Amino acid sequence: MKLYRRQRNLRAAEGVAPEQIWAGALDEETAFWRSWFATKGSEWPDDYRFRLDPESQIQEQITKYLDGIGHSVRILDVGAGPLTFVGKRWSGHDLNLTAVDALADKYDALLAEFEITPPVRTRNCDSEKLTQVFDENSFEVAYALNTLDHSYEPIRAIRQMLAVVRPGGIVLLQHYPNEAENEAYSGLHQWNFDWIDGDCVLWRPGKSWQLGKEFAGQATVSGSKADGVVTTVITKATPGASAVG
């Protein structure tokens, strides 16, 4: 049965436009979040409470990659969903958090339906179109958690994230490994992240990128696959510096 689903859902290999695949799965994504709100987090009640807490501290899984980033930190959470996962405070730092998602208008309707005021409201913006909303070099950090494997053009989204962070800034990606494979390319799951031979590989059948090679000269790429997560740290080159992936 799983093999059948994979053949049926791998529409990209049949020439279907990525945007069409993505758009066809949006109702499913909205339904998930409606259920999540209705049940106050479903099987993740702690996550529900954390996202709504305006005093929540930013997670160590994020900050441990931000050594030397500075006191004042502007973070862009890309594909944040209706309530950003990122903590709202960082002891010893002046943290300014911005969240964006292509479905923000739909999420605003859900927030109104459940009478919820978010501590950080998600703004409407496709991950692939960040520079249409934000100036280049606007943030110290651009973050994506389990979202770019859902996007219609993830390599473009990563380029956009790199564009909006300042020189020396960081694009931090954290994704489950090979999630599209694991989910049989169902719904929004159309792309895979993996860490192979010292580089992050973004792929699906018939198409792949090695991020270290893709951004050579523009940024350095480091990371790992550990504890069931592929973490990729892309540090934007500073003028006059040599960036080697």
C-alpha atoms as a PDB file:
ATOM      1  CA  MET A   1       0.000   0.000   0.000  1.00  0.00           C
ATOM      2  CA  LYS A   2       2.820   2.409   0.829  1.00  0.00           C
ATOM      3  CA  LEU A   3       4.459   1.763  -2.544  1.00  0.00           C
ATOM      4  CA  TYR A   4       1.164   2.520  -4.284  1.00  0.00           C
ATOM      5  CA  ARG A   5       0.775   5.792  -2.411  1.00  0.00           C
ATOM      6  CA  ARG A   6       4.329   6.828  -3.275  1.00  0.00           C
ATOM      7  CA  GLN A   7       3.794   6.211  -6.975  1.00  0.00           C
ATOM      8  CA  ARG A   8       0.471   8.020  -6.898  1.00  0.00           C
ATOM      9  CA  ASN A   9       1.729  11.059  -5.006  1.00  0.00           C
ATOM     10  CA  LEU A  10       5.098  11.641  -6.634  1.00  0.00           C
ATOM     11  CA  ARG A  11       3.466  14.009  -9.102  1.00  0.00           C
ATOM     12  CA  ALA A  12       6.548  16.183  -9.581  1.00  0.00           C
ATOM     13  CA  ALA A  13       8.238  13.348 -11.448  1.00  0.00           C
ATOM     14  CA  GLU A  14       5.268  13.339 -13.825  1.00  0.00           C
ATOM     15  CA  GLY A  15       5.763  17.001 -14.715  1.00  0.00           C
ATOM     16  CA  VAL A  16       3.129  18.547 -12.455  1.00  0.00           C
ATOM     17  CA  ALA A  17       4.181  22.081 -11.472  1.00  0.00           C
ATOM     18  CA  PRO A  18       5.421  22.361  -7.859  1.00  0.00           C
ATOM     19  CA  GLU A  19       3.033  25.230  -7.168  1.00  0.00           C
ATOM     20  CA  GLN A  20       0.108  23.068  -8.298  1.00  0.00           C
ATOM     21  CA  ILE A  21       1.108  20.210  -5.990  1.00  0.00           C
ATOM     22  CA  TRP A  22       1.565  22.666  -3.116  1.00  0.00           C
ATOM     23  CA  ALA A  23      -1.746  24.435  -3.690  1.00  0.00           C
ATOM     24  CA  GLY A  24      -3.611  21.141  -3.838  1.00  0.00           C
ATOM     25  CA  ALA A  25      -2.553  20.243  -0.285  1.00  0.00           C
ATOM     26  CA  LEU A  26      -3.374  23.524   1.479  1.00  0.00           C
ATOM     27  CA  ASP A  27      -6.822  22.475   2.682  1.00  0.00           C
ATOM     28  CA  GLU A  28      -5.260  19.474   4.431  1.00  0.00           C
ATOM     29  CA  GLU A  29      -2.745  21.735   6.171  1.00  0.00           C
ATOM     30  CA  THR A  30      -5.458  24.134   7.340  1.00  0.00           C
ATOM     31  CA  ALA A  31      -7.542  21.226   8.623  1.00  0.00           C
ATOM     32  CA  PHE A  32      -4.596  20.001  10.677  1.00  0.00           C
ATOM     33  CA  TRP A  33      -4.239  23.370  12.393  1.00  0.00           C
ATOM     34  CA  ARG A  34      -7.977  23.691  13.002  1.00  0.00           C
ATOM     35  CA  SER A  35      -7.905  20.364  14.838  1.00  0.00           C
ATOM     36  CA  TRP A  36      -4.749  21.439  16.685  1.00  0.00           C
ATOM     37  CA  PHE A  37      -6.479  24.586  17.954  1.00  0.00           C
ATOM     38  CA  ALA A  38      -9.721  22.787  18.790  1.00  0.00           C
ATOM     39  CA  THR A  39      -7.862  20.273  20.968  1.00  0.00           C
ATOM     40  CA  LYS A  40      -5.347  22.813  22.349  1.00  0.00           C
ATOM     41  CA  GLY A  41      -2.424  21.048  20.792  1.00  0.00           C
ATOM     42  CA  SER A  42      -3.864  17.557  20.372  1.00  0.00           C
ATOM     43  CA  GLU A  43      -1.075  15.188  21.465  1.00  0.00           C
ATOM     44  CA  TRP A  44       1.292  18.159  21.890  1.00  0.00           C
ATOM     45  CA  PRO A  45      -0.314  20.265  24.670  1.00  0.00           C
ATOM     46  CA  ASP A  46       3.056  21.541  25.906  1.00  0.00           C
ATOM     47  CA  ASP A  47       3.817  22.856  22.413  1.00  0.00           C
ATOM     48  CA  TYR A  48       0.447  24.634  22.354  1.00  0.00           C
ATOM     49  CA  ARG A  49       1.125  26.371  25.671  1.00  0.00           C
ATOM     50  CA  PHE A  50       4.696  27.272  24.702  1.00  0.00           C
ATOM     51  CA  ARG A  51       3.700  28.919  21.443  1.00  0.00           C
ATOM     52  CA  LEU A  52       1.136  31.071  23.224  1.00  0.00           C
ATOM     53  CA  ASP A  53       3.443  32.115  26.066  1.00  0.00           C
ATOM     54  CA  PRO A  54       4.835  35.634  25.455  1.00  0.00           C
ATOM     55  CA  GLU A  55       7.539  34.983  28.066  1.00  0.00           C
ATOM     56  CA  SER A  56       8.760  31.697  26.564  1.00  0.00           C
ATOM     57  CA  GLN A  57      12.544  31.462  26.291  1.00  0.00           C
ATOM     58  CA  ILE A  58      14.132  30.738  22.937  1.00  0.00           C
ATOM     59  CA  GLN A  59      15.161  27.109  22.650  1.00  0.00           C
ATOM     60  CA  GLU A  60      18.702  25.869  23.157  1.00  0.00           C
ATOM     61  CA  GLN A  61      18.332  23.860  19.942  1.00  0.00           C
ATOM     62  CA  ILE A  62      18.435  27.272  18.217  1.00  0.00           C
ATOM     63  CA  THR A  63      20.766  29.368  20.360  1.00  0.00           C
ATOM     64  CA  LYS A  64      23.584  26.823  20.412  1.00  0.00           C
ATOM     65  CA  TYR A  65      24.200  27.637  16.742  1.00  0.00           C
ATOM     66  CA  LEU A  66      24.199  31.407  17.271  1.00  0.00           C
ATOM     67  CA  ASP A  67      27.457  31.993  19.157  1.00  0.00           C
ATOM     68  CA  GLY A  68      28.801  35.461  18.407  1.00  0.00           C
ATOM     69  CA  ILE A  69      25.624  36.649  16.718  1.00  0.00           C
ATOM     70  CA  GLY A  70      25.499  39.766  18.935  1.00  0.00           C
ATOM     71  CA  HIS A  71      23.309  41.322  21.609  1.00  0.00           C
ATOM     72  CA  SER A  72      20.530  42.626  19.376  1.00  0.00           C
ATOM     73  CA  VAL A  73      19.127  39.746  17.356  1.00  0.00           C
ATOM     74  CA  ARG A  74      16.469  39.966  14.680  1.00  0.00           C
ATOM     75  CA  ILE A  75      15.113  36.505  13.832  1.00  0.00           C
ATOM     76  CA  LEU A  76      12.871  35.700  10.876  1.00  0.00           C
ATOM     77  CA  ASP A  77      10.897  32.474  11.354  1.00  0.00           C
ATOM     78  CA  VAL A  78      10.075  31.252   7.841  1.00  0.00           C
ATOM     79  CA  GLY A  79       7.037  29.010   7.376  1.00  0.00           C
ATOM     80  CA  ALA A  80       6.105  29.649  10.993  1.00  0.00           C
ATOM     81  CA  GLY A  81       2.525  28.426  10.881  1.00  0.00           C
ATOM     82  CA  PRO A  82      -0.180  30.248  12.854  1.00  0.00           C
ATOM     83  CA  LEU A  83       1.946  30.468  16.029  1.00  0.00           C
ATOM     84  CA  THR A  84       5.732  30.610  15.791  1.00  0.00           C
ATOM     85  CA  PHE A  85       7.584  27.799  17.533  1.00  0.00           C
ATOM     86  CA  VAL A  86      10.489  30.099  18.421  1.00  0.00           C
ATOM     87  CA  GLY A  87      10.650  31.328  22.028  1.00  0.00           C
ATOM     88  CA  LYS A  88       9.913  35.020  22.514  1.00  0.00           C
ATOM     89  CA  ARG A  89      12.696  35.928  24.971  1.00  0.00           C
ATOM     90  CA  TRP A  90      16.453  35.353  25.106  1.00  0.00           C
ATOM     91  CA  SER A  91      18.176  36.152  28.377  1.00  0.00           C
ATOM     92  CA  GLY A  92      20.970  38.672  27.888  1.00  0.00           C
ATOM     93  CA  HIS A  93      19.783  39.575  24.387  1.00  0.00           C
ATOM     94  CA  ASP A  94      17.451  42.049  22.760  1.00  0.00           C
ATOM     95  CA  LEU A  95      15.350  39.656  20.656  1.00  0.00           C
ATOM     96  CA  ASN A  96      13.090  40.853  17.855  1.00  0.00           C
ATOM     97  CA  LEU A  97      11.073  38.026  16.295  1.00  0.00           C
ATOM     98  CA  THR A  98       9.221  38.165  12.986  1.00  0.00           C
ATOM     99  CA  ALA A  99       7.167  35.229  11.661  1.00  0.00           C
ATOM    100  CA  VAL A 100       5.985  34.629   8.094  1.00  0.00           C
ATOM    101  CA  ASP A 101       3.957  31.968   6.326  1.00  0.00           C
ATOM    102  CA  ALA A 102       2.275  31.694   2.937  1.00  0.00           C
ATOM    103  CA  LEU A 103      -0.950  30.670   4.702  1.00  0.00           C
ATOM    104  CA  ALA A 104      -1.021  33.532   7.194  1.00  0.00           C
ATOM    105  CA  ASP A 105      -4.402  34.813   5.968  1.00  0.00           C
ATOM    106  CA  LYS A 106      -5.969  31.394   6.523  1.00  0.00           C
ATOM    107  CA  TYR A 107      -4.307  31.177   9.926  1.00  0.00           C
ATOM    108  CA  ASP A 108      -5.638  34.595  10.900  1.00  0.00           C
ATOM    109  CA  ALA A 109      -9.133  33.264  10.234  1.00  0.00           C
ATOM    110  CA  LEU A 110      -8.427  30.273  12.502  1.00  0.00           C
ATOM    111  CA  LEU A 111      -7.074  32.519  15.253  1.00  0.00           C
ATOM    112  CA  ALA A 112     -10.233  34.612  15.072  1.00  0.00           C
ATOM    113  CA  GLU A 113     -12.417  31.499  15.078  1.00  0.00           C
ATOM    114  CA  PHE A 114     -10.792  30.296  18.305  1.00  0.00           C
ATOM    115  CA  GLU A 115     -10.499  33.801  19.788  1.00  0.00           C
ATOM    116  CA  ILE A 116      -6.723  33.651  20.120  1.00  0.00           C
ATOM    117  CA  THR A 117      -4.382  36.628  20.059  1.00  0.00           C
ATOM    118  CA  PRO A 118      -0.879  35.410  19.210  1.00  0.00           C
ATOM    119  CA  PRO A 119       2.149  36.885  21.009  1.00  0.00           C
ATOM    120  CA  VAL A 120       3.742  37.249  17.555  1.00  0.00           C
ATOM    121  CA  ARG A 121       1.343  37.428  14.619  1.00  0.00           C
ATOM    122  CA  THR A 122       2.458  35.593  11.505  1.00  0.00           C
ATOM    123  CA  ARG A 123       2.703  37.829   8.442  1.00  0.00           C
ATOM    124  CA  ASN A 124       1.683  36.706   4.986  1.00  0.00           C
ATOM    125  CA  CYS A 125       4.660  35.885   2.747  1.00  0.00           C
ATOM    126  CA  ASP A 126       5.744  32.900   0.669  1.00  0.00           C
ATOM    127  CA  SER A 127       9.106  31.475   1.717  1.00  0.00           C
ATOM    128  CA  GLU A 128      10.190  31.907  -1.901  1.00  0.00           C
ATOM    129  CA  LYS A 129       9.357  35.636  -1.961  1.00  0.00           C
ATOM    130  CA  LEU A 130      10.927  37.102   1.172  1.00  0.00           C
ATOM    131  CA  THR A 131      12.676  39.977  -0.619  1.00  0.00           C
ATOM    132  CA  GLN A 132       9.309  41.197  -1.845  1.00  0.00           C
ATOM    133  CA  VAL A 133       8.448  41.984   1.783  1.00  0.00           C
ATOM    134  CA  PHE A 134      11.803  42.541   3.529  1.00  0.00           C
ATOM    135  CA  ASP A 135      14.941  44.433   2.565  1.00  0.00           C
ATOM    136  CA  GLU A 136      18.108  42.452   2.062  1.00  0.00           C
ATOM    137  CA  ASN A 137      20.409  42.239   5.110  1.00  0.00           C
ATOM    138  CA  SER A 138      17.483  42.853   7.506  1.00  0.00           C
ATOM    139  CA  PHE A 139      17.993  39.995  10.006  1.00  0.00           C
ATOM    140  CA  GLU A 140      20.725  38.314  11.992  1.00  0.00           C
ATOM    141  CA  VAL A 141      19.024  34.928  11.680  1.00  0.00           C
ATOM    142  CA  ALA A 142      16.534  33.303   9.299  1.00  0.00           C
ATOM    143  CA  TYR A 143      15.128  30.076  10.710  1.00  0.00           C
ATOM    144  CA  ALA A 144      13.078  27.255   9.214  1.00  0.00           C
ATOM    145  CA  LEU A 145      11.807  24.274  11.186  1.00  0.00           C
ATOM    146  CA  ASN A 146      10.218  21.347   9.311  1.00  0.00           C
ATOM    147  CA  THR A 147       8.786  23.666   6.701  1.00  0.00           C
ATOM    148  CA  LEU A 148      10.948  23.885   3.575  1.00  0.00           C
ATOM    149  CA  ASP A 149      10.229  20.244   2.780  1.00  0.00           C
ATOM    150  CA  HIS A 150       6.642  21.520   2.363  1.00  0.00           C
ATOM    151  CA  SER A 151       7.486  24.428   0.071  1.00  0.00           C
ATOM    152  CA  TYR A 152       7.022  24.494  -3.685  1.00  0.00           C
ATOM    153  CA  GLU A 153      10.566  25.690  -4.466  1.00  0.00           C
ATOM    154  CA  PRO A 154      12.794  25.144  -1.408  1.00  0.00           C
ATOM    155  CA  ILE A 155      16.142  26.011  -2.980  1.00  0.00           C
ATOM    156  CA  ARG A 156      14.712  29.392  -3.964  1.00  0.00           C
ATOM    157  CA  ALA A 157      13.411  29.810  -0.410  1.00  0.00           C
ATOM    158  CA  ILE A 158      16.895  29.170   0.996  1.00  0.00           C
ATOM    159  CA  ARG A 159      18.379  31.721  -1.412  1.00  0.00           C
ATOM    160  CA  GLN A 160      15.785  34.221  -0.217  1.00  0.00           C
ATOM    161  CA  MET A 161      16.590  33.485   3.431  1.00  0.00           C
ATOM    162  CA  LEU A 162      20.272  34.072   2.699  1.00  0.00           C
ATOM    163  CA  ALA A 163      19.447  37.356   0.980  1.00  0.00           C
ATOM    164  CA  VAL A 164      17.572  38.809   3.960  1.00  0.00           C
ATOM    165  CA  VAL A 165      20.225  37.995   6.589  1.00  0.00           C
ATOM    166  CA  ARG A 166      23.092  40.415   7.064  1.00  0.00           C
ATOM    167  CA  PRO A 167      26.696  39.499   6.194  1.00  0.00           C
ATOM    168  CA  GLY A 168      27.874  37.200   8.954  1.00  0.00           C
ATOM    169  CA  GLY A 169      24.251  36.273   9.677  1.00  0.00           C
ATOM    170  CA  ILE A 170      22.923  32.744   9.817  1.00  0.00           C
ATOM    171  CA  VAL A 171      20.323  30.714   7.960  1.00  0.00           C
ATOM    172  CA  LEU A 172      19.408  27.858  10.304  1.00  0.00           C
ATOM    173  CA  LEU A 173      17.467  24.907   8.889  1.00  0.00           C
ATOM    174  CA  GLN A 174      16.181  22.021  11.007  1.00  0.00           C
ATOM    175  CA  HIS A 175      14.186  19.259   9.331  1.00  0.00           C
ATOM    176  CA  TYR A 176      13.368  15.609   9.819  1.00  0.00           C
ATOM    177  CA  PRO A 177      15.529  13.564   7.447  1.00  0.00           C
ATOM    178  CA  ASN A 178      13.919  12.398   4.204  1.00  0.00           C
ATOM    179  CA  GLU A 179      10.425  13.332   5.338  1.00  0.00           C
ATOM    180  CA  ALA A 180       8.861  13.162   1.875  1.00  0.00           C
ATOM    181  CA  GLU A 181      10.129   9.608   1.492  1.00  0.00           C
ATOM    182  CA  ASN A 182       8.791   8.726   4.932  1.00  0.00           C
ATOM    183  CA  GLU A 183       5.399  10.271   4.124  1.00  0.00           C
ATOM    184  CA  ALA A 184       5.204   8.711   0.647  1.00  0.00           C
ATOM    185  CA  TYR A 185       5.103  12.162  -0.979  1.00  0.00           C
ATOM    186  CA  SER A 186       1.626  12.789   0.397  1.00  0.00           C
ATOM    187  CA  GLY A 187       0.122  16.231   0.915  1.00  0.00           C
ATOM    188  CA  LEU A 188       2.697  18.979   1.203  1.00  0.00           C
ATOM    189  CA  HIS A 189       5.570  16.521   1.693  1.00  0.00           C
ATOM    190  CA  GLN A 190       7.448  16.778  -1.601  1.00  0.00           C
ATOM    191  CA  TRP A 191      11.101  17.327  -0.638  1.00  0.00           C
ATOM    192  CA  ASN A 192      13.776  15.642   1.474  1.00  0.00           C
ATOM    193  CA  PHE A 193      16.660  16.930   3.565  1.00  0.00           C
ATOM    194  CA  ASP A 194      19.609  14.697   4.372  1.00  0.00           C
ATOM    195  CA  TRP A 195      23.238  15.066   5.493  1.00  0.00           C
ATOM    196  CA  ILE A 196      25.603  13.091   3.300  1.00  0.00           C
ATOM    197  CA  ASP A 197      29.410  13.227   3.089  1.00  0.00           C
ATOM    198  CA  GLY A 198      29.686  16.508   4.974  1.00  0.00           C
ATOM    199  CA  ASP A 199      26.973  18.401   3.129  1.00  0.00           C
ATOM    200  CA  CYS A 200      23.238  19.018   3.340  1.00  0.00           C
ATOM    201  CA  VAL A 201      21.447  17.429   0.404  1.00  0.00           C
ATOM    202  CA  LEU A 202      18.026  18.722  -0.637  1.00  0.00           C
ATOM    203  CA  TRP A 203      16.386  16.244  -2.986  1.00  0.00           C
ATOM    204  CA  ARG A 204      13.528  14.313  -4.464  1.00  0.00           C
ATOM    205  CA  PRO A 205      13.657  11.778  -7.303  1.00  0.00           C
ATOM    206  CA  GLY A 206      15.098  13.417 -10.384  1.00  0.00           C
ATOM    207  CA  LYS A 207      16.385  16.566  -8.659  1.00  0.00           C
ATOM    208  CA  SER A 208      18.894  17.372  -5.916  1.00  0.00           C
ATOM    209  CA  TRP A 209      21.190  20.087  -4.599  1.00  0.00           C
ATOM    210  CA  GLN A 210      24.233  19.935  -2.324  1.00  0.00           C
ATOM    211  CA  LEU A 211      23.954  23.154  -0.353  1.00  0.00           C
ATOM    212  CA  GLY A 212      27.669  23.529   0.336  1.00  0.00           C
ATOM    213  CA  LYS A 213      28.335  23.507  -3.396  1.00  0.00           C
ATOM    214  CA  GLU A 214      25.225  25.532  -4.227  1.00  0.00           C
ATOM    215  CA  PHE A 215      26.267  28.435  -1.989  1.00  0.00           C
ATOM    216  CA  ALA A 216      30.052  28.241  -2.422  1.00  0.00           C
ATOM    217  CA  GLY A 217      31.461  31.767  -2.433  1.00  0.00           C
ATOM    218  CA  GLN A 218      28.301  33.177  -0.837  1.00  0.00           C
ATOM    219  CA  ALA A 219      28.251  31.325   2.475  1.00  0.00           C
ATOM    220  CA  THR A 220      29.774  28.522   4.503  1.00  0.00           C
ATOM    221  CA  VAL A 221      27.650  25.453   5.205  1.00  0.00           C
ATOM    222  CA  SER A 222      27.997  23.218   8.238  1.00  0.00           C
ATOM    223  CA  GLY A 223      25.734  20.902  10.178  1.00  0.00           C
ATOM    224  CA  SER A 224      24.905  17.310  10.961  1.00  0.00           C
ATOM    225  CA  LYS A 225      22.258  14.621  11.146  1.00  0.00           C
ATOM    226  CA  ALA A 226      21.753  13.711  14.787  1.00  0.00           C
ATOM    227  CA  ASP A 227      18.880  12.754  17.098  1.00  0.00           C
ATOM    228  CA  GLY A 228      16.524  12.406  14.147  1.00  0.00           C
ATOM    229  CA  VAL A 229      17.089  15.933  12.818  1.00  0.00           C
ATOM    230  CA  VAL A 230      19.078  17.334   9.906  1.00  0.00           C
ATOM    231  CA  THR A 231      20.532  20.653  11.069  1.00  0.00           C
ATOM    232  CA  THR A 232      22.105  22.943   8.492  1.00  0.00           C
ATOM    233  CA  VAL A 233      23.876  26.185   9.400  1.00  0.00           C
ATOM    234  CA  ILE A 234      24.493  28.531   6.467  1.00  0.00           C
ATOM    235  CA  THR A 235      26.656  31.514   7.454  1.00  0.00           C
ATOM    236  CA  LYS A 236      26.548  34.404   5.008  1.00  0.00           C
ATOM    237  CA  ALA A 237      29.937  35.618   3.831  1.00  0.00           C
ATOM    238  CA  THR A 238      31.128  39.050   4.887  1.00  0.00           C
ATOM    239  CA  PRO A 239      32.576  41.436   2.287  1.00  0.00           C
ATOM    240  CA  GLY A 240      36.159  40.545   1.517  1.00  0.00           C
ATOM    241  CA  ALA A 241      35.937  37.203   3.284  1.00  0.00           C
ATOM    242  CA  SER A 242      36.320  33.856   1.558  1.00  0.00           C
ATOM    243  CA  ALA A 243      33.335  31.528   1.941  1.00  0.00           C
ATOM    244  CA  VAL A 244      34.086  27.879   1.437  1.00  0.00           C
ATOM    245  CA  GLY A 245      31.212  25.361   1.679  1.00  0.00           C
END
